[in-house]
C-alpha cells in the first residue's frame, strides 16, 4: 500500500493518525491532528505537537496553512499572523459547539 502524503492524510476525514513534519533543521516532528478548518478561500489545520516543543504549551496547538505552490508542491506553512490564528480558533470553537 502506497504511503499517503501529509496533505492526503490531513484531507482524509477517515485518517486521524499523527503526521510528521520536518523542521528547518530537517528533524522530524510528530503532530496530532486536531482539526481542518476552511476559512474563506484558504484551508488551515490545527496540529498539536506530540512531544513537548519549546514555546508551545502542553494544551496548545499550532495553526498551519495548507498551500500549493506554482509547481504543484504541497506545503504546510506555520501561521504567525495573530488575526488569522484567532479567526481559525474561532471557527474551531464554532465546530465544537455544533
N, C-alpha and C. Protein backbone atom coordinates (compact mmCIF):
# COMPACT_ATOMS: atom_id res chain seq x y z
N UNK A 1 0.83 -1.18 0.00
CA UNK A 1 0.00 0.00 0.00
C UNK A 1 0.88 1.25 0.00
N UNK A 2 0.58 2.19 -0.89
CA UNK A 2 1.37 3.40 -1.02
C UNK A 2 1.14 4.33 0.17
N UNK A 3 2.23 4.90 0.66
CA UNK A 3 2.13 5.82 1.80
C UNK A 3 1.51 7.14 1.36
N UNK A 4 0.60 7.66 2.17
CA UNK A 4 -0.07 8.92 1.85
C UNK A 4 0.84 10.09 2.15
N UNK A 5 0.66 11.16 1.39
CA UNK A 5 1.36 12.40 1.69
C UNK A 5 0.70 13.04 2.91
N UNK A 6 1.38 13.99 3.51
CA UNK A 6 0.82 14.71 4.66
C UNK A 6 -0.50 15.36 4.25
N UNK A 7 -0.54 15.96 3.05
CA UNK A 7 -1.78 16.58 2.56
C UNK A 7 -2.90 15.56 2.48
N UNK A 8 -2.61 14.40 1.91
CA UNK A 8 -3.65 13.36 1.78
C UNK A 8 -4.16 12.94 3.14
N UNK A 9 -3.25 12.78 4.10
CA UNK A 9 -3.66 12.43 5.46
C UNK A 9 -4.58 13.49 6.05
N UNK A 10 -4.19 14.75 5.92
CA UNK A 10 -4.95 15.84 6.51
C UNK A 10 -6.32 16.01 5.86
N UNK A 11 -6.41 15.77 4.57
CA UNK A 11 -7.67 15.96 3.85
C UNK A 11 -8.59 14.75 3.90
N UNK A 12 -8.10 13.63 4.43
CA UNK A 12 -8.90 12.41 4.53
C UNK A 12 -9.66 12.41 5.86
N UNK A 13 -10.98 12.56 5.82
CA UNK A 13 -11.75 12.63 7.07
C UNK A 13 -11.70 11.34 7.90
N UNK A 14 -11.30 10.24 7.28
CA UNK A 14 -11.21 8.96 8.00
C UNK A 14 -9.83 8.73 8.60
N UNK A 15 -8.88 9.59 8.28
CA UNK A 15 -7.50 9.41 8.74
C UNK A 15 -7.18 10.43 9.82
N UNK A 16 -7.13 9.96 11.06
CA UNK A 16 -6.80 10.86 12.17
C UNK A 16 -5.44 10.51 12.77
N UNK A 17 -4.64 9.76 12.02
CA UNK A 17 -3.33 9.36 12.53
C UNK A 17 -2.41 10.57 12.63
N UNK A 18 -1.40 10.44 13.48
CA UNK A 18 -0.42 11.51 13.64
C UNK A 18 0.33 11.72 12.33
N UNK A 19 0.79 12.95 12.14
CA UNK A 19 1.58 13.25 10.95
C UNK A 19 2.96 13.72 11.37
N UNK A 20 3.90 13.61 10.44
CA UNK A 20 5.27 14.03 10.70
C UNK A 20 5.62 15.15 9.72
N UNK A 21 6.11 16.23 10.29
CA UNK A 21 6.57 17.38 9.51
C UNK A 21 8.04 17.58 9.85
N UNK A 22 8.82 17.98 8.86
CA UNK A 22 10.24 18.21 9.08
C UNK A 22 10.49 19.70 9.32
N UNK A 23 11.23 19.99 10.41
CA UNK A 23 11.51 21.38 10.76
C UNK A 23 12.65 21.95 9.91
N UNK A 24 13.07 23.18 10.23
CA UNK A 24 14.12 23.86 9.46
C UNK A 24 15.43 23.08 9.46
N UNK A 25 15.69 22.33 10.52
CA UNK A 25 16.91 21.54 10.63
C UNK A 25 16.71 20.14 10.04
N UNK A 26 15.59 19.93 9.35
CA UNK A 26 15.23 18.65 8.73
C UNK A 26 15.05 17.53 9.75
N UNK A 27 14.67 17.91 10.98
CA UNK A 27 14.36 16.92 12.02
C UNK A 27 12.86 16.64 11.98
N UNK A 28 12.48 15.37 12.10
CA UNK A 28 11.05 15.05 12.09
C UNK A 28 10.37 15.47 13.40
N UNK A 29 9.20 16.08 13.27
CA UNK A 29 8.40 16.49 14.42
C UNK A 29 7.01 15.89 14.22
N UNK A 30 6.57 15.11 15.22
CA UNK A 30 5.28 14.43 15.12
C UNK A 30 4.17 15.28 15.73
N UNK A 31 3.05 15.35 15.01
CA UNK A 31 1.91 16.14 15.46
C UNK A 31 0.64 15.30 15.46
N UNK A 32 -0.23 15.62 16.41
CA UNK A 32 -1.57 15.05 16.46
C UNK A 32 -2.49 15.98 15.66
N UNK A 33 -3.34 15.39 14.82
CA UNK A 33 -4.31 16.18 14.06
C UNK A 33 -5.44 16.60 15.00
N UNK A 34 -5.72 17.90 15.05
CA UNK A 34 -6.82 18.40 15.87
C UNK A 34 -8.01 18.76 15.00
N UNK A 35 -7.80 19.58 13.97
CA UNK A 35 -8.92 19.99 13.13
C UNK A 35 -8.44 20.56 11.81
N UNK A 36 -9.27 20.39 10.80
CA UNK A 36 -9.08 21.01 9.49
C UNK A 36 -10.15 22.10 9.38
N UNK A 37 -9.71 23.34 9.16
CA UNK A 37 -10.63 24.48 9.20
C UNK A 37 -10.55 25.28 7.89
N UNK A 38 -11.59 25.20 7.06
CA UNK A 38 -11.62 26.08 5.88
C UNK A 38 -12.09 27.47 6.30
N UNK A 39 -11.34 28.49 5.89
CA UNK A 39 -11.71 29.87 6.18
C UNK A 39 -11.55 30.67 4.89
N UNK A 40 -12.66 31.21 4.42
CA UNK A 40 -12.69 31.94 3.15
C UNK A 40 -12.14 31.03 2.06
N UNK A 41 -11.08 31.43 1.36
CA UNK A 41 -10.54 30.61 0.27
C UNK A 41 -9.35 29.77 0.70
N UNK A 42 -9.02 29.79 1.98
CA UNK A 42 -7.85 29.06 2.47
C UNK A 42 -8.27 27.89 3.35
N UNK A 43 -7.35 26.95 3.49
CA UNK A 43 -7.59 25.81 4.36
C UNK A 43 -6.47 25.79 5.40
N UNK A 44 -6.88 25.71 6.66
CA UNK A 44 -5.93 25.68 7.77
C UNK A 44 -6.10 24.39 8.53
N UNK A 45 -5.05 24.01 9.24
CA UNK A 45 -5.11 22.83 10.08
C UNK A 45 -4.51 23.18 11.43
N UNK A 46 -5.16 22.67 12.48
CA UNK A 46 -4.63 22.85 13.83
C UNK A 46 -3.94 21.54 14.20
N UNK A 47 -2.67 21.64 14.54
CA UNK A 47 -1.88 20.47 14.90
C UNK A 47 -1.28 20.68 16.28
N UNK A 48 -1.22 19.60 17.05
CA UNK A 48 -0.66 19.66 18.40
C UNK A 48 0.60 18.79 18.44
N UNK A 49 1.73 19.36 18.87
CA UNK A 49 2.95 18.55 18.95
C UNK A 49 2.76 17.38 19.92
N UNK A 50 3.23 16.20 19.52
CA UNK A 50 3.11 15.02 20.37
C UNK A 50 4.07 15.13 21.55
N UNK A 51 5.29 15.60 21.28
CA UNK A 51 6.28 15.78 22.34
C UNK A 51 6.39 17.27 22.66
N UNK A 52 6.83 17.56 23.88
CA UNK A 52 6.98 18.95 24.32
C UNK A 52 7.83 19.71 23.31
N UNK A 53 7.32 20.90 22.97
CA UNK A 53 8.01 21.74 22.00
C UNK A 53 8.21 23.12 22.62
N UNK A 54 9.40 23.65 22.48
CA UNK A 54 9.72 24.95 23.06
C UNK A 54 8.76 26.02 22.53
N UNK A 55 8.19 26.79 23.46
CA UNK A 55 7.30 27.88 23.08
C UNK A 55 5.86 27.47 22.86
N UNK A 56 5.56 26.17 23.01
CA UNK A 56 4.19 25.68 22.81
C UNK A 56 3.73 25.02 24.10
N UNK A 57 2.63 25.52 24.67
CA UNK A 57 2.09 24.95 25.90
C UNK A 57 1.59 23.53 25.70
N UNK A 58 1.46 22.82 26.81
CA UNK A 58 1.06 21.41 26.78
C UNK A 58 -0.30 21.20 26.12
N UNK A 59 -1.20 22.16 26.28
CA UNK A 59 -2.55 22.02 25.72
C UNK A 59 -2.78 22.97 24.55
N UNK A 60 -1.71 23.41 23.90
CA UNK A 60 -1.82 24.34 22.78
C UNK A 60 -1.58 23.64 21.45
N UNK A 61 -2.21 24.19 20.42
CA UNK A 61 -1.99 23.71 19.07
C UNK A 61 -1.41 24.82 18.21
N UNK A 62 -0.86 24.43 17.08
CA UNK A 62 -0.31 25.39 16.13
C UNK A 62 -1.20 25.41 14.89
N UNK A 63 -1.28 26.56 14.26
CA UNK A 63 -2.08 26.70 13.04
C UNK A 63 -1.15 26.70 11.84
N UNK A 64 -1.46 25.84 10.88
CA UNK A 64 -0.72 25.78 9.63
C UNK A 64 -1.69 26.03 8.48
N UNK A 65 -1.19 26.65 7.42
CA UNK A 65 -1.98 26.83 6.21
C UNK A 65 -1.56 25.77 5.20
N UNK A 66 -2.54 25.12 4.57
CA UNK A 66 -2.26 24.18 3.51
C UNK A 66 -2.15 24.99 2.23
N UNK A 67 -1.03 24.85 1.56
CA UNK A 67 -0.77 25.69 0.40
C UNK A 67 -0.13 24.87 -0.70
N UNK A 68 -0.47 25.20 -1.94
CA UNK A 68 0.15 24.56 -3.09
C UNK A 68 0.89 25.65 -3.87
N UNK A 69 2.18 25.40 -4.17
CA UNK A 69 2.95 26.42 -4.89
C UNK A 69 2.76 26.29 -6.40
N UNK A 70 3.49 27.12 -7.16
CA UNK A 70 3.33 27.17 -8.61
C UNK A 70 3.63 25.83 -9.28
N UNK A 71 4.53 25.05 -8.71
CA UNK A 71 4.89 23.76 -9.30
C UNK A 71 3.97 22.63 -8.84
N UNK A 72 2.96 22.97 -8.04
CA UNK A 72 2.05 21.94 -7.54
C UNK A 72 2.54 21.25 -6.28
N UNK A 73 3.64 21.76 -5.72
CA UNK A 73 4.18 21.20 -4.47
C UNK A 73 3.25 21.58 -3.32
N UNK A 74 2.96 20.60 -2.47
CA UNK A 74 2.11 20.85 -1.31
C UNK A 74 2.97 21.27 -0.13
N UNK A 75 2.57 22.33 0.54
CA UNK A 75 3.33 22.85 1.67
C UNK A 75 2.41 23.15 2.85
N UNK A 76 2.96 22.95 4.03
CA UNK A 76 2.29 23.38 5.26
C UNK A 76 3.09 24.57 5.77
N UNK A 77 2.43 25.70 5.89
CA UNK A 77 3.09 26.93 6.31
C UNK A 77 2.59 27.31 7.70
N UNK A 78 3.52 27.42 8.66
CA UNK A 78 3.16 27.83 10.02
C UNK A 78 2.65 29.26 9.99
N UNK A 79 1.47 29.47 10.53
CA UNK A 79 0.85 30.80 10.55
C UNK A 79 1.32 31.54 11.79
N UNK A 80 1.81 32.77 11.59
CA UNK A 80 2.22 33.58 12.74
C UNK A 80 1.42 34.88 12.85
N UNK A 81 0.45 35.07 11.96
CA UNK A 81 -0.43 36.23 11.99
C UNK A 81 -1.51 35.99 13.05
N UNK A 82 -1.48 36.79 14.12
CA UNK A 82 -2.41 36.59 15.25
C UNK A 82 -3.87 36.71 14.83
N UNK A 83 -4.17 37.58 13.87
CA UNK A 83 -5.56 37.74 13.41
C UNK A 83 -6.06 36.45 12.76
N UNK A 84 -5.22 35.84 11.93
CA UNK A 84 -5.61 34.59 11.27
C UNK A 84 -5.74 33.48 12.30
N UNK A 85 -4.79 33.41 13.23
CA UNK A 85 -4.84 32.38 14.28
C UNK A 85 -6.14 32.51 15.08
N UNK A 86 -6.48 33.74 15.47
CA UNK A 86 -7.72 33.97 16.21
C UNK A 86 -8.94 33.56 15.40
N UNK A 87 -8.94 33.87 14.11
CA UNK A 87 -10.05 33.52 13.23
C UNK A 87 -10.20 32.00 13.12
N UNK A 88 -9.08 31.31 12.95
CA UNK A 88 -9.11 29.84 12.83
C UNK A 88 -9.63 29.21 14.12
N UNK A 89 -9.16 29.68 15.27
CA UNK A 89 -9.63 29.11 16.53
C UNK A 89 -11.09 29.46 16.81
N UNK A 90 -11.55 30.63 16.34
CA UNK A 90 -12.97 30.99 16.48
C UNK A 90 -13.83 30.02 15.66
N UNK A 91 -13.38 29.69 14.46
CA UNK A 91 -14.10 28.72 13.62
C UNK A 91 -14.08 27.34 14.27
N UNK A 92 -12.95 26.98 14.86
CA UNK A 92 -12.83 25.70 15.56
C UNK A 92 -13.81 25.64 16.73
N UNK A 93 -13.89 26.72 17.50
CA UNK A 93 -14.83 26.77 18.62
C UNK A 93 -16.27 26.59 18.15
N UNK A 94 -16.61 27.20 17.00
CA UNK A 94 -17.96 27.03 16.44
C UNK A 94 -18.24 25.57 16.11
N UNK A 95 -17.23 24.88 15.56
CA UNK A 95 -17.40 23.46 15.24
C UNK A 95 -17.64 22.64 16.49
N UNK A 96 -16.95 22.98 17.57
CA UNK A 96 -17.11 22.24 18.82
C UNK A 96 -18.50 22.44 19.42
N UNK A 97 -19.10 23.61 19.16
CA UNK A 97 -20.42 23.92 19.70
C UNK A 97 -21.54 23.19 18.96
N UNK A 98 -21.27 22.75 17.72
CA UNK A 98 -22.31 22.09 16.92
C UNK A 98 -22.63 20.71 17.44
